[in-house]
C-alpha cells in the first residue's frame, strides 16, 4: 500500500503516534487509507449538505474494509460571487483545488481518493488534482437542487437574474421580484438547470469515474445518500483490482463526454474544463473536436435555461444513462469502456430506458441534428470562441449588427440598465479574459438583464470573459486571443459591423485590413489591473490561447 510510507516499521513510530493523537486505532491504521475530499461549507447552497454525503461515503469505505480520512476543499459560490470583484476569483480556484489535492494526497500517502464536490469549479478542480495523482479514485457529487415555483411555474436561479432586468425595465413590480428571491431556490443542491455544476457532474458520469445517477439524482433524495455509500465501496473495489483514475480517463472516454455534452446541451464552461482535466490525465483534446462531434450528434435535451425542463425532470426520465442509451442507437458512443462500477458502459446501460420522450427526445426526433454547443472561428476569434447554440433563438443563429463596446462588465451593466442598448446591437465586453480580467469572470448579469428586458432575441453579446451555464440568447464567450493579449476584440470600435453565423461556425469583424492596421499601431497594452496576490500570479502565468486555462507554478 502507498500508505505504508507513513505507517510501517519502527521509523514510523512518530507518524503512528500522530494518527493515535486523532483517535485512530491500530486496526484502522493497518487498513488502506482513503482520502475523502469534501467541499462542505456554509456559503455554497450546493455544498451545505455535503457533510451528509461525505458521511455516507465514509460508511461505504468502512463497509468495504478501508479507513476513510476526511480532508477539505475550498469552493466559491458563483451566484454569490457574480457581478462584482469576487467573480475574478471563481475560475482561478480550480487550480487552487487541484494543487491542494496534490499536496494533501502526496504528503499523507493516501491509497485512494473519493471526491465529494458539487458546484462549478470544484468538480473540475478535484478531477484535475486526482488525475495528477492517478490513484484509485471515485466521485460522488452533492446533486442538483429541486426547481423552485413562482406563479405556479417551475423556476430557477437564472430566472432571478432575468427578473432583475424585468424589474429595471418596469415589467414586474417589487413584490413580484421578491417572489423570485424567496422561491426560486428552494433548498440545497447545485442550481436546478443544466448550468456548469450539473453539466460537469453529468460529464463525470459519462467519463465513467462516477456511478450512474451522479449527474441528475436530486440532492435531497435518499437515493443520493445510497449512491454515496456505493461510491465508497467502489473505490475499495478499484484499489483491490489496482484500477487507477487515468485507466478510466482515456481519449475514448473524453470523446464520449463531448458527445453526451452535445446531446444534453451542457454549459459552455465544459469547453474550459474538459480540456484541462484531459491535460492532467495525459490526454489531448481541442475545441476543433467539439464541432466535429457536434456535427454528428443530435441535441436531445432542452433543460433550463434552454427550455422549461429541470434536472429533476431529467432524473425521472432516466437520467444521463437514458441520454447515453439514445445515443447508442446510432453507435455514437464507445460502450466498451471500463467504469467505476466494475462494468463496461454497455453493461451499465443494459436495463436503461427513456422514461419520458418529452424530456429526453428520442434520437429519431431531436431538437436539432447538431449538438448543443458550437465553437466559432473568424478574424474576431482566431483561436476559438464558444456559444451554447441550443439556448439561442432561431432568428439569432445568423446575425449581423453594430458593435457597442465596453471595457468591463460594470460598464456594460450601466449601459444596459440605462436603456442604451437597442435591438440589433452587438454588445462587446472586453478586458475580462484570464489575463485582462484577470480571472475570466462570468457575464451572467448583463446577459440576464438583456433577457429580462426582452432583448435576448434581438441583441448578441460577445466577450473575452465567460458565460455562465445559466446564460441564454446569442451570447458568445471565451473569445481568444483576449483583448489584453492584443486579440482583435481589443480593436473593435462602436458602430463596427460584426457578423455571426452559428450554423457555419463563423464570427467576423467587417473592418478592412488597412483600418485594423492603423488601430493596431495605436493600441496600447493595458497595465495589469492587479499587481499582487494570487490573481496577479494567475494573470502572469495563464494564456487565454489555451482555453483550458492550464498553468503551472
Protein backbone atom coordinates (compact mmCIF):
# COMPACT_ATOMS: atom_id res chain seq x y z
CA UNK A 1 0.00 0.00 0.00
CA UNK A 2 1.15 3.51 -0.72
CA UNK A 3 0.20 4.44 2.84
CA UNK A 4 2.91 2.09 4.13
CA UNK A 5 5.20 5.08 3.66
CA UNK A 6 3.64 6.72 6.69
CA UNK A 7 2.75 3.77 8.91
CA UNK A 8 5.10 0.77 8.65
CA UNK A 9 8.18 -0.03 10.73
CA UNK A 10 9.98 1.35 13.78
CA UNK A 11 10.92 4.53 11.93
CA UNK A 12 7.23 5.40 11.64
CA UNK A 13 6.51 5.38 15.37
CA UNK A 14 6.26 9.21 15.35
CA UNK A 15 3.84 9.05 12.43
CA UNK A 16 1.64 6.43 14.09
CA UNK A 17 1.66 8.43 17.31
CA UNK A 18 0.17 11.35 15.41
CA UNK A 19 -2.55 9.10 13.99
CA UNK A 20 -3.30 7.92 17.51
CA UNK A 21 -3.43 11.53 18.71
CA UNK A 22 -6.52 11.82 16.49
CA UNK A 23 -8.09 8.67 17.92
CA UNK A 24 -7.18 6.17 15.20
CA UNK A 25 -6.60 2.63 16.45
CA UNK A 26 -4.17 0.04 15.05
CA UNK A 27 -6.93 -1.77 13.19
CA UNK A 28 -7.77 1.43 11.30
CA UNK A 29 -4.17 2.35 10.59
CA UNK A 30 -3.49 -1.13 9.18
CA UNK A 31 -6.22 -0.75 6.54
CA UNK A 32 -5.95 1.23 3.27
CA UNK A 33 -6.16 4.95 3.95
CA UNK A 34 -8.68 6.64 1.64
CA UNK A 35 -8.74 10.43 1.40
CA UNK A 36 -12.30 11.74 1.22
CA UNK A 37 -12.06 15.23 -0.27
CA UNK A 38 -15.17 17.19 0.67
CA UNK A 39 -16.13 20.73 -0.30
CA UNK A 40 -18.65 21.12 2.53
CA UNK A 41 -19.18 24.75 3.54
CA UNK A 42 -21.88 27.08 4.79
CA UNK A 43 -21.59 29.62 1.95
CA UNK A 44 -22.46 27.46 -1.10
CA UNK A 45 -26.01 26.02 -1.30
CA UNK A 46 -24.68 23.18 -3.42
CA UNK A 47 -22.28 22.28 -0.62
CA UNK A 48 -24.20 22.99 2.57
CA UNK A 49 -25.38 19.37 2.80
CA UNK A 50 -22.14 17.66 1.76
CA UNK A 51 -21.43 16.60 5.34
CA UNK A 52 -24.24 14.03 4.98
CA UNK A 53 -22.99 12.85 1.59
CA UNK A 54 -19.44 12.63 2.95
CA UNK A 55 -20.52 10.56 5.95
CA UNK A 56 -22.29 8.17 3.59
CA UNK A 57 -19.11 7.82 1.52
CA UNK A 58 -17.12 7.08 4.69
CA UNK A 59 -19.68 4.44 5.68
CA UNK A 60 -19.22 2.73 2.32
CA UNK A 61 -15.42 2.77 2.65
CA UNK A 62 -15.56 1.24 6.12
CA UNK A 63 -18.02 -1.43 4.97
CA UNK A 64 -15.57 -2.41 2.23
CA UNK A 65 -12.55 -2.61 4.51
CA UNK A 66 -10.91 0.81 4.28
CA UNK A 67 -10.24 3.71 6.61
CA UNK A 68 -11.75 6.99 5.38
CA UNK A 69 -9.90 10.21 6.18
CA UNK A 70 -11.81 13.41 5.51
CA UNK A 71 -9.96 16.43 4.13
CA UNK A 72 -11.38 19.79 2.98
CA UNK A 73 -11.53 21.64 -0.33
CA UNK A 74 -12.47 25.25 -0.90
CA UNK A 75 -15.33 26.32 -3.15
CA UNK A 76 -16.71 29.62 -4.43
CA UNK A 77 -20.46 30.08 -4.99
CA UNK A 78 -20.56 31.62 -8.46
CA UNK A 79 -24.01 33.07 -7.90
CA UNK A 80 -22.94 34.98 -4.78
CA UNK A 81 -19.65 36.00 -6.44
CA UNK A 82 -21.45 37.21 -9.58
CA UNK A 83 -21.41 40.83 -10.70
CA UNK A 84 -18.56 42.12 -8.53
CA UNK A 85 -14.84 41.66 -7.90
CA UNK A 86 -15.47 38.29 -6.26
CA UNK A 87 -16.14 36.67 -9.65
CA UNK A 88 -12.50 37.30 -10.59
CA UNK A 89 -11.64 34.63 -8.01
CA UNK A 90 -14.01 31.93 -9.23
CA UNK A 91 -12.18 30.27 -12.13
CA UNK A 92 -8.76 30.57 -10.51
CA UNK A 93 -9.90 28.45 -7.56
CA UNK A 94 -9.96 25.48 -9.89
CA UNK A 95 -6.15 25.43 -9.89
CA UNK A 96 -6.01 26.01 -6.13
CA UNK A 97 -8.25 22.99 -5.55
CA UNK A 98 -6.18 20.80 -7.90
CA UNK A 99 -2.94 21.89 -6.21
CA UNK A 100 -4.33 21.28 -2.72
CA UNK A 101 -5.38 17.72 -3.58
CA UNK A 102 -1.91 17.02 -4.94
CA UNK A 103 -0.40 18.43 -1.74
CA UNK A 104 -2.65 16.55 0.67
CA UNK A 105 -2.63 13.21 -1.15
CA UNK A 106 1.15 13.19 -1.55
CA UNK A 107 2.01 14.47 1.91
CA UNK A 108 -0.19 11.87 3.63
CA UNK A 109 0.35 8.96 1.21
CA UNK A 110 -3.30 8.10 0.64
CA UNK A 111 -4.03 4.80 -1.07
CA UNK A 112 -7.09 6.13 -2.87
CA UNK A 113 -9.42 9.11 -3.10
CA UNK A 114 -13.13 9.78 -3.10
CA UNK A 115 -14.11 13.24 -4.33
CA UNK A 116 -17.23 14.94 -2.93
CA UNK A 117 -17.76 18.18 -4.88
CA UNK A 118 -20.85 19.74 -6.40
CA UNK A 119 -20.52 23.20 -7.88
CA UNK A 120 -18.83 24.85 -10.81
CA UNK A 121 -15.02 24.94 -10.44
CA UNK A 122 -14.90 22.43 -7.62
CA UNK A 123 -15.75 19.42 -9.79
CA UNK A 124 -13.06 20.01 -12.45
CA UNK A 125 -10.55 21.21 -9.84
CA UNK A 126 -10.90 17.97 -7.88
CA UNK A 127 -10.68 15.86 -11.04
CA UNK A 128 -7.56 17.68 -12.18
CA UNK A 129 -5.83 17.08 -8.85
CA UNK A 130 -6.93 13.45 -8.74
CA UNK A 131 -5.78 12.80 -12.33
CA UNK A 132 -2.41 14.29 -11.42
CA UNK A 133 -2.11 11.78 -8.55
CA UNK A 134 -3.51 8.81 -10.56
CA UNK A 135 -4.77 6.83 -7.57
CA UNK A 136 -7.87 4.62 -7.39
CA UNK A 137 -10.49 7.38 -7.35
CA UNK A 138 -14.25 7.73 -7.42
CA UNK A 139 -16.51 10.79 -7.29
CA UNK A 140 -19.98 11.49 -5.97
CA UNK A 141 -21.44 14.98 -6.20
CA UNK A 142 -23.99 16.57 -3.88
CA UNK A 143 -26.64 16.50 -6.61
CA UNK A 144 -28.90 19.17 -8.13
CA UNK A 145 -31.33 21.44 -6.32
CA UNK A 146 -35.03 20.96 -6.94
CA UNK A 147 -36.65 23.59 -9.14
CA UNK A 148 -38.45 26.46 -7.44
CA UNK A 149 -42.01 27.55 -8.13
CA UNK A 150 -43.24 31.09 -8.81
CA UNK A 151 -46.77 31.86 -10.02
CA UNK A 152 -47.42 28.15 -10.46
CA UNK A 153 -44.45 27.64 -12.81
CA UNK A 154 -41.14 25.92 -12.17
CA UNK A 155 -38.27 28.35 -11.94
CA UNK A 156 -34.56 28.51 -11.15
CA UNK A 157 -31.65 30.79 -10.28
CA UNK A 158 -31.10 32.17 -13.79
CA UNK A 159 -34.67 33.47 -13.83
CA UNK A 160 -33.91 35.60 -10.75
CA UNK A 161 -31.20 37.42 -12.70
CA UNK A 162 -33.65 37.93 -15.57
CA UNK A 163 -36.28 39.14 -13.09
CA UNK A 164 -33.90 41.94 -12.07
CA UNK A 165 -33.77 43.04 -15.72
CA UNK A 166 -37.56 42.86 -15.97
CA UNK A 167 -37.92 44.91 -12.77
CA UNK A 168 -35.48 47.56 -14.03
CA UNK A 169 -37.45 47.72 -17.28
CA UNK A 170 -40.69 48.25 -15.33
CA UNK A 171 -42.15 44.91 -16.42
CA UNK A 172 -42.67 43.47 -12.93
CA UNK A 173 -43.28 45.01 -9.51
CA UNK A 174 -41.01 44.92 -6.47
CA UNK A 175 -43.43 42.44 -4.88
CA UNK A 176 -43.16 40.14 -7.89
CA UNK A 177 -39.37 40.44 -7.81
CA UNK A 178 -39.41 39.37 -4.14
CA UNK A 179 -41.35 36.22 -5.10
CA UNK A 180 -38.38 35.11 -7.21
CA UNK A 181 -35.98 35.94 -4.39
CA UNK A 182 -37.91 33.80 -1.92
CA UNK A 183 -38.95 30.84 -4.05
CA UNK A 184 -36.54 30.29 -6.98
CA UNK A 185 -34.02 28.28 -4.95
CA UNK A 186 -35.99 26.06 -2.55
CA UNK A 187 -33.13 24.21 -0.85
CA UNK A 188 -29.68 22.66 -1.01
CA UNK A 189 -28.03 21.36 -4.17
CA UNK A 190 -26.40 22.70 -7.31
CA UNK A 191 -28.74 25.13 -9.11
CA UNK A 192 -31.51 23.25 -10.87
CA UNK A 193 -30.80 23.84 -14.58
CA UNK A 194 -28.15 22.49 -16.93
CA UNK A 195 -25.63 25.00 -15.66
CA UNK A 196 -21.90 24.40 -15.22
CA UNK A 197 -22.12 22.41 -11.98
CA UNK A 198 -24.72 19.96 -13.25
CA UNK A 199 -23.01 19.81 -16.64
CA UNK A 200 -19.75 18.73 -15.04
CA UNK A 201 -21.47 16.25 -12.72
CA UNK A 202 -23.12 14.70 -15.78
CA UNK A 203 -19.75 14.58 -17.52
CA UNK A 204 -18.29 12.68 -14.52
CA UNK A 205 -20.93 10.01 -15.02
CA UNK A 206 -20.22 9.80 -18.76
CA UNK A 207 -16.45 9.65 -18.22
CA UNK A 208 -17.03 6.63 -16.00
CA UNK A 209 -15.49 7.95 -12.78
CA UNK A 210 -18.87 8.47 -11.06
CA UNK A 211 -21.62 5.91 -10.62
CA UNK A 212 -24.78 6.01 -12.75
CA UNK A 213 -27.17 8.56 -11.24
CA UNK A 214 -24.48 11.01 -10.21
CA UNK A 215 -25.50 13.65 -12.74
CA UNK A 216 -29.23 14.05 -12.13
CA UNK A 217 -30.30 12.47 -8.81
CA UNK A 218 -31.58 15.41 -6.71
CA UNK A 219 -29.62 16.50 -3.66
CA UNK A 220 -32.47 15.92 -1.21
CA UNK A 221 -33.31 12.37 -2.31
CA UNK A 222 -32.28 9.41 -0.14
CA UNK A 223 -31.06 7.85 -3.38
CA UNK A 224 -28.18 10.37 -3.29
CA UNK A 225 -27.07 9.03 0.11
CA UNK A 226 -27.28 5.45 -1.10
CA UNK A 227 -25.22 6.46 -4.15
CA UNK A 228 -22.58 7.93 -1.86
CA UNK A 229 -22.29 4.67 0.11
CA UNK A 230 -21.85 2.68 -3.08
CA UNK A 231 -19.22 5.20 -4.21
CA UNK A 232 -17.22 4.47 -1.06
CA UNK A 233 -17.49 0.75 -1.74
CA UNK A 234 -16.47 1.29 -5.39
CA UNK A 235 -13.15 2.94 -4.54
CA UNK A 236 -12.19 -0.08 -2.44
CA UNK A 237 -13.03 -2.36 -5.37
CA UNK A 238 -10.79 -0.24 -7.60
CA UNK A 239 -7.99 -0.49 -5.04
CA UNK A 240 -8.33 -4.27 -4.87
CA UNK A 241 -8.16 -4.51 -8.69
CA UNK A 242 -5.42 -1.84 -8.97
CA UNK A 243 -7.58 0.33 -11.24
CA UNK A 244 -6.50 3.98 -11.22
CA UNK A 245 -8.36 7.06 -12.38
CA UNK A 246 -6.27 7.51 -15.53
CA UNK A 247 -7.10 3.96 -16.57
CA UNK A 248 -10.64 5.30 -16.99
CA UNK A 249 -9.89 8.87 -18.15
CA UNK A 250 -8.61 7.95 -21.62
CA UNK A 251 -9.11 9.58 -25.00
CA UNK A 252 -12.17 7.48 -25.83
CA UNK A 253 -13.83 8.46 -22.55
CA UNK A 254 -13.35 12.14 -23.38
CA UNK A 255 -14.83 11.59 -26.85
CA UNK A 256 -17.85 10.07 -25.13
CA UNK A 257 -18.09 13.05 -22.78
CA UNK A 258 -18.05 15.57 -25.64
CA UNK A 259 -20.73 13.56 -27.43
CA UNK A 260 -23.09 13.46 -24.45
CA UNK A 261 -22.26 17.12 -23.77
CA UNK A 262 -23.70 17.96 -27.19
CA UNK A 263 -26.77 15.79 -26.68
CA UNK A 264 -27.55 17.27 -23.27
CA UNK A 265 -26.85 20.89 -24.26
CA UNK A 266 -24.40 21.47 -21.41
CA UNK A 267 -22.75 24.69 -20.27
CA UNK A 268 -20.14 26.34 -22.50
CA UNK A 269 -17.82 26.07 -19.50
CA UNK A 270 -17.38 22.37 -20.25
CA UNK A 271 -15.19 23.62 -23.10
CA UNK A 272 -12.89 25.12 -20.46
CA UNK A 273 -12.88 22.24 -18.03
CA UNK A 274 -12.80 19.07 -20.14
CA UNK A 275 -9.53 20.07 -21.91
CA UNK A 276 -7.99 20.94 -18.53
CA UNK A 277 -8.95 17.60 -16.96
CA UNK A 278 -7.76 15.75 -20.06
CA UNK A 279 -4.43 17.59 -19.89
CA UNK A 280 -3.84 16.32 -16.34
CA UNK A 281 -4.77 12.80 -17.44
CA UNK A 282 -2.26 12.92 -20.30
CA UNK A 283 -4.95 13.16 -22.99
CA UNK A 284 -5.05 15.92 -25.60
CA UNK A 285 -8.38 17.29 -26.72
CA UNK A 286 -9.03 20.57 -28.52
CA UNK A 287 -12.08 22.60 -29.37
CA UNK A 288 -11.94 21.67 -33.06
CA UNK A 289 -13.03 18.22 -31.90
CA UNK A 290 -16.15 19.78 -30.40
CA UNK A 291 -17.51 20.95 -33.77
CA UNK A 292 -16.62 17.64 -35.39
CA UNK A 293 -18.53 15.72 -32.73
CA UNK A 294 -21.37 18.26 -32.67
CA UNK A 295 -21.87 17.89 -36.44
CA UNK A 296 -22.96 14.27 -35.99
CA UNK A 297 -24.54 14.40 -32.52
CA UNK A 298 -28.20 15.43 -32.20
CA UNK A 299 -29.32 17.67 -29.35
CA UNK A 300 -31.84 15.65 -27.31
CA UNK A 301 -32.47 17.84 -24.23
CA UNK A 302 -33.55 21.43 -23.62
CA UNK A 303 -33.01 21.82 -19.90
CA UNK A 304 -33.11 25.28 -18.29
CA UNK A 305 -32.02 27.80 -19.44
CA UNK A 306 -32.54 26.39 -22.97
CA UNK A 307 -36.01 25.10 -22.11
CA UNK A 308 -38.53 24.64 -19.30
CA UNK A 309 -37.27 21.26 -18.02
CA UNK A 310 -35.02 20.95 -14.98
CA UNK A 311 -32.59 18.42 -13.56
CA UNK A 312 -35.29 16.62 -11.59
CA UNK A 313 -37.15 16.07 -14.87
CA UNK A 314 -34.00 14.54 -16.38
CA UNK A 315 -33.71 12.27 -13.32
CA UNK A 316 -37.28 11.00 -13.62
CA UNK A 317 -36.81 10.49 -17.38
CA UNK A 318 -33.95 8.08 -16.75
CA UNK A 319 -31.06 10.46 -16.15
CA UNK A 320 -27.80 10.74 -18.06
CA UNK A 321 -27.84 6.99 -18.69
CA UNK A 322 -31.07 7.31 -20.70
CA UNK A 323 -29.48 10.01 -22.88
CA UNK A 324 -26.50 7.72 -23.43
CA UNK A 325 -28.83 4.86 -24.32
CA UNK A 326 -30.46 7.00 -27.02
CA UNK A 327 -27.04 7.82 -28.46
CA UNK A 328 -26.13 4.14 -28.69
CA UNK A 329 -28.94 3.69 -31.22
CA UNK A 330 -26.68 5.41 -33.76
CA UNK A 331 -23.47 3.97 -32.28
CA UNK A 332 -22.24 7.41 -31.23
CA UNK A 333 -20.57 6.16 -28.02
CA UNK A 334 -17.81 3.69 -27.31
CA UNK A 335 -19.64 1.43 -24.87
CA UNK A 336 -16.72 -0.97 -24.34
CA UNK A 337 -15.03 1.37 -21.83
CA UNK A 338 -14.49 0.50 -18.18
CA UNK A 339 -16.26 2.46 -15.44
CA UNK A 340 -16.01 2.62 -11.65
CA UNK A 341 -18.95 0.21 -11.41
CA UNK A 342 -16.50 -2.51 -12.46
CA UNK A 343 -18.62 -2.94 -15.57
CA UNK A 344 -18.44 -1.51 -19.08
CA UNK A 345 -20.73 1.27 -20.28
CA UNK A 346 -22.63 -1.29 -22.33
CA UNK A 347 -23.28 -3.40 -19.23
CA UNK A 348 -24.36 -0.33 -17.26
CA UNK A 349 -26.89 0.59 -19.97
CA UNK A 350 -28.42 -2.86 -20.47
CA UNK A 351 -31.62 -2.18 -18.49
CA UNK A 352 -31.80 1.58 -19.05
CA UNK A 353 -34.77 3.11 -20.86
CA UNK A 354 -36.00 6.58 -21.79
CA UNK A 355 -38.96 7.09 -19.48
CA UNK A 356 -40.06 10.47 -20.83
CA UNK A 357 -39.51 11.29 -24.53
CA UNK A 358 -40.60 14.89 -23.91
CA UNK A 359 -37.63 15.48 -21.59
CA UNK A 360 -35.18 13.27 -23.49
CA UNK A 361 -36.09 13.39 -27.15
CA UNK A 362 -35.70 10.05 -28.98
CA UNK A 363 -32.71 10.23 -31.27
CA UNK A 364 -35.07 9.94 -34.26
CA UNK A 365 -36.78 13.20 -33.17
CA UNK A 366 -34.10 15.55 -31.79
CA UNK A 367 -34.36 19.26 -31.09
CA UNK A 368 -31.66 19.66 -33.72
CA UNK A 369 -29.49 17.29 -35.73
CA UNK A 370 -26.38 19.03 -34.40
CA UNK A 371 -25.17 19.39 -30.83
CA UNK A 372 -25.91 22.00 -28.18
CA UNK A 373 -22.54 23.77 -28.29
CA UNK A 374 -20.79 25.42 -31.23
CA UNK A 375 -17.19 26.62 -31.45
CA UNK A 376 -16.87 29.65 -33.72
CA UNK A 377 -13.80 30.94 -35.52
CA UNK A 378 -13.05 34.01 -37.60
CA UNK A 379 -10.95 37.13 -37.53
CA UNK A 380 -12.58 38.16 -34.24
CA UNK A 381 -11.69 34.80 -32.68
CA UNK A 382 -8.61 33.41 -34.38
CA UNK A 383 -8.25 30.65 -31.80
CA UNK A 384 -11.84 29.95 -30.77
CA UNK A 385 -14.96 31.21 -29.06
CA UNK A 386 -17.89 29.22 -27.71
CA UNK A 387 -21.68 29.55 -27.80
CA UNK A 388 -24.45 27.43 -26.28
CA UNK A 389 -26.29 27.10 -29.59
CA UNK A 390 -29.19 25.14 -28.09
CA UNK A 391 -30.13 28.19 -25.96
CA UNK A 392 -30.11 30.63 -28.92
CA UNK A 393 -33.35 31.70 -30.59
CA UNK A 394 -33.54 30.52 -34.23
CA UNK A 395 -33.69 34.10 -35.51
CA UNK A 396 -30.32 34.87 -33.85
CA UNK A 397 -28.35 31.93 -35.25
CA UNK A 398 -27.32 34.12 -38.17
CA UNK A 399 -26.93 37.72 -37.13
CA UNK A 400 -25.26 40.98 -38.14
CA UNK A 401 -25.23 44.17 -36.10
CA UNK A 402 -23.43 47.28 -34.91
CA UNK A 403 -20.98 46.96 -32.04
CA UNK A 404 -21.48 48.68 -28.68
CA UNK A 405 -18.14 48.34 -26.93
CA UNK A 406 -17.43 48.23 -23.18
CA UNK A 407 -14.13 47.67 -21.39
CA UNK A 408 -15.61 45.96 -18.34
CA UNK A 409 -18.72 44.12 -17.21
CA UNK A 410 -19.65 47.04 -14.96
CA UNK A 411 -19.65 49.49 -17.90
CA UNK A 412 -21.94 47.19 -19.87
CA UNK A 413 -24.40 46.73 -16.99
CA UNK A 414 -24.72 50.51 -16.53
CA UNK A 415 -25.48 50.91 -20.24
CA UNK A 416 -27.98 48.03 -20.30
CA UNK A 417 -29.78 49.23 -17.17
CA UNK A 418 -29.77 52.75 -18.58
CA UNK A 419 -31.60 51.67 -21.72
CA UNK A 420 -28.66 52.44 -24.03
CA UNK A 421 -28.75 49.07 -25.82
CA UNK A 422 -31.08 48.80 -28.80
CA UNK A 423 -32.44 45.98 -30.92
CA UNK A 424 -29.84 44.86 -33.43
CA UNK A 425 -26.83 45.87 -31.33
CA UNK A 426 -23.90 43.56 -30.71
CA UNK A 427 -22.63 44.20 -27.17
CA UNK A 428 -18.88 43.66 -26.83
CA UNK A 429 -17.44 43.28 -23.31
CA UNK A 430 -13.66 43.02 -23.30
CA UNK A 431 -10.64 43.03 -20.97
CA UNK A 432 -12.42 40.33 -18.94
CA UNK A 433 -10.25 37.37 -20.03
CA UNK A 434 -7.87 35.26 -17.94
CA UNK A 435 -5.17 37.94 -18.05
CA UNK A 436 -7.22 41.04 -18.71
CA UNK A 437 -9.84 40.46 -16.03
CA UNK A 438 -7.85 38.98 -14.55
CA UNK A 439 -9.70 35.77 -13.80
CA UNK A 440 -12.18 35.49 -16.70
CA UNK A 441 -15.41 36.49 -14.98
CA UNK A 442 -18.78 35.07 -16.00
CA UNK A 443 -21.12 37.57 -17.66
CA UNK A 444 -24.46 36.22 -16.42
CA UNK A 445 -25.65 39.54 -15.02
CA UNK A 446 -25.54 41.54 -18.29
CA UNK A 447 -26.95 38.65 -20.34
CA UNK A 448 -29.75 38.06 -17.84
CA UNK A 449 -30.57 41.77 -17.79
CA UNK A 450 -30.94 41.70 -21.57
CA UNK A 451 -33.14 38.60 -21.38
CA UNK A 452 -35.27 40.15 -18.61
CA UNK A 453 -35.78 43.23 -20.77
CA UNK A 454 -36.91 41.03 -23.66
CA UNK A 455 -33.84 41.69 -25.83
CA UNK A 456 -32.37 38.17 -25.89
CA UNK A 457 -33.82 37.61 -29.39
CA UNK A 458 -32.56 40.95 -30.69
CA UNK A 459 -29.12 41.59 -29.15
CA UNK A 460 -25.95 39.49 -29.37
CA UNK A 461 -23.26 39.70 -26.71
CA UNK A 462 -19.57 38.85 -27.20
CA UNK A 463 -16.89 38.75 -24.52
CA UNK A 464 -13.36 37.54 -23.88
CA UNK A 465 -14.66 36.59 -20.44
CA UNK A 466 -17.01 33.66 -19.91
CA UNK A 467 -20.69 32.95 -19.96
CA UNK A 468 -22.44 31.03 -17.24
CA UNK A 469 -24.22 27.79 -17.98
CA UNK A 470 -27.30 29.77 -16.96
CA UNK A 471 -26.92 32.08 -19.96
CA UNK A 472 -29.36 32.02 -22.85
CA UNK A 473 -29.51 34.04 -26.05
CA UNK A 474 -26.86 34.87 -28.65
CA UNK A 475 -24.05 35.06 -26.10
CA UNK A 476 -20.58 34.22 -27.39
CA UNK A 477 -17.81 33.86 -24.83
CA UNK A 478 -14.23 32.72 -24.28
CA UNK A 479 -13.14 34.82 -27.30
CA UNK A 480 -9.45 34.10 -27.83
CA UNK A 481 -6.99 35.74 -28.16
CA UNK A 482 -8.35 38.03 -25.47
CA UNK A 483 -8.11 41.82 -25.62
CA UNK A 484 -5.29 42.03 -23.08
CA UNK A 485 -3.14 39.86 -25.36
CA UNK A 486 -3.84 42.01 -28.40
CA UNK A 487 -6.67 39.93 -29.83
CA UNK A 488 -8.79 41.62 -32.48
CA UNK A 489 -11.55 42.15 -29.92
CA UNK A 490 -9.31 44.91 -28.48
CA UNK A 491 -9.60 46.87 -31.75
CA UNK A 492 -13.39 46.86 -32.14
CA UNK A 493 -14.99 50.32 -32.07
CA UNK A 494 -18.56 51.47 -31.60
CA UNK A 495 -20.50 51.14 -34.84
CA UNK A 496 -18.32 48.42 -36.38
CA UNK A 497 -20.31 45.67 -38.06
CA UNK A 498 -19.96 42.18 -36.57
CA UNK A 499 -21.29 39.19 -38.48
CA UNK A 500 -22.14 35.93 -36.69
CA UNK A 501 -23.17 32.66 -38.32
CA UNK A 502 -23.62 29.86 -35.78
CA UNK A 503 -24.61 27.39 -38.48
CA UNK A 504 -21.33 27.96 -40.34
CA UNK A 505 -19.46 28.46 -37.02
CA UNK A 506 -18.01 31.82 -38.04
CA UNK A 507 -17.62 35.22 -36.38
CA UNK A 508 -16.20 38.16 -38.32
CA UNK A 509 -15.44 41.84 -37.73
CA UNK A 510 -16.25 43.57 -41.02
CA UNK A 511 -13.48 46.17 -40.98
CA UNK A 512 -10.85 46.44 -43.73
CA UNK A 513 -7.26 45.43 -43.06
CA UNK A 514 -5.85 48.93 -43.54
CA UNK A 515 -8.12 50.33 -40.83
CA UNK A 516 -7.29 47.48 -38.49
CA UNK A 517 -3.56 48.00 -39.07
CA UNK A 518 -3.88 51.66 -38.05
CA UNK A 519 -5.84 50.72 -34.93
CA UNK A 520 -3.28 48.11 -34.01
CA UNK A 521 -0.45 50.64 -34.27
CA UNK A 522 -2.31 52.89 -31.81
CA UNK A 523 -3.28 50.11 -29.39
CA UNK A 524 -1.51 50.26 -26.04
CA UNK A 525 -1.37 47.17 -23.90
CA UNK A 526 -3.16 48.00 -20.65
CA UNK A 527 -1.48 47.95 -17.28
CA UNK A 528 -2.37 44.92 -15.12
CA UNK A 529 -5.47 45.51 -13.01
CA UNK A 530 -3.81 43.81 -10.03
CA UNK A 531 -0.13 43.76 -9.16
CA UNK A 532 -0.02 41.44 -6.14
CA UNK A 533 -1.71 38.39 -4.69
CA UNK A 534 -2.94 35.22 -6.32
CA UNK A 535 -4.81 36.95 -9.14
CA UNK A 536 -1.64 38.74 -10.25
CA UNK A 537 0.27 35.45 -10.25
CA UNK A 538 -2.51 33.76 -12.21
CA UNK A 539 -2.66 36.56 -14.78
CA UNK A 540 1.07 36.32 -15.45
CA UNK A 541 1.06 32.56 -15.96
CA UNK A 542 -2.18 31.75 -17.74
CA UNK A 543 -2.64 32.01 -21.50
CA UNK A 544 -6.05 32.66 -23.00
CA UNK A 545 -4.91 30.86 -26.17
CA UNK A 546 -5.32 27.69 -24.13
CA UNK A 547 -8.99 27.88 -23.22
CA UNK A 548 -8.42 25.09 -20.74
CA UNK A 549 -6.64 27.81 -18.71
CA UNK A 550 -3.83 25.49 -17.71
CA UNK A 551 -0.89 26.95 -15.88
CA UNK A 552 1.95 25.56 -13.85
CA UNK A 553 3.58 27.21 -10.88
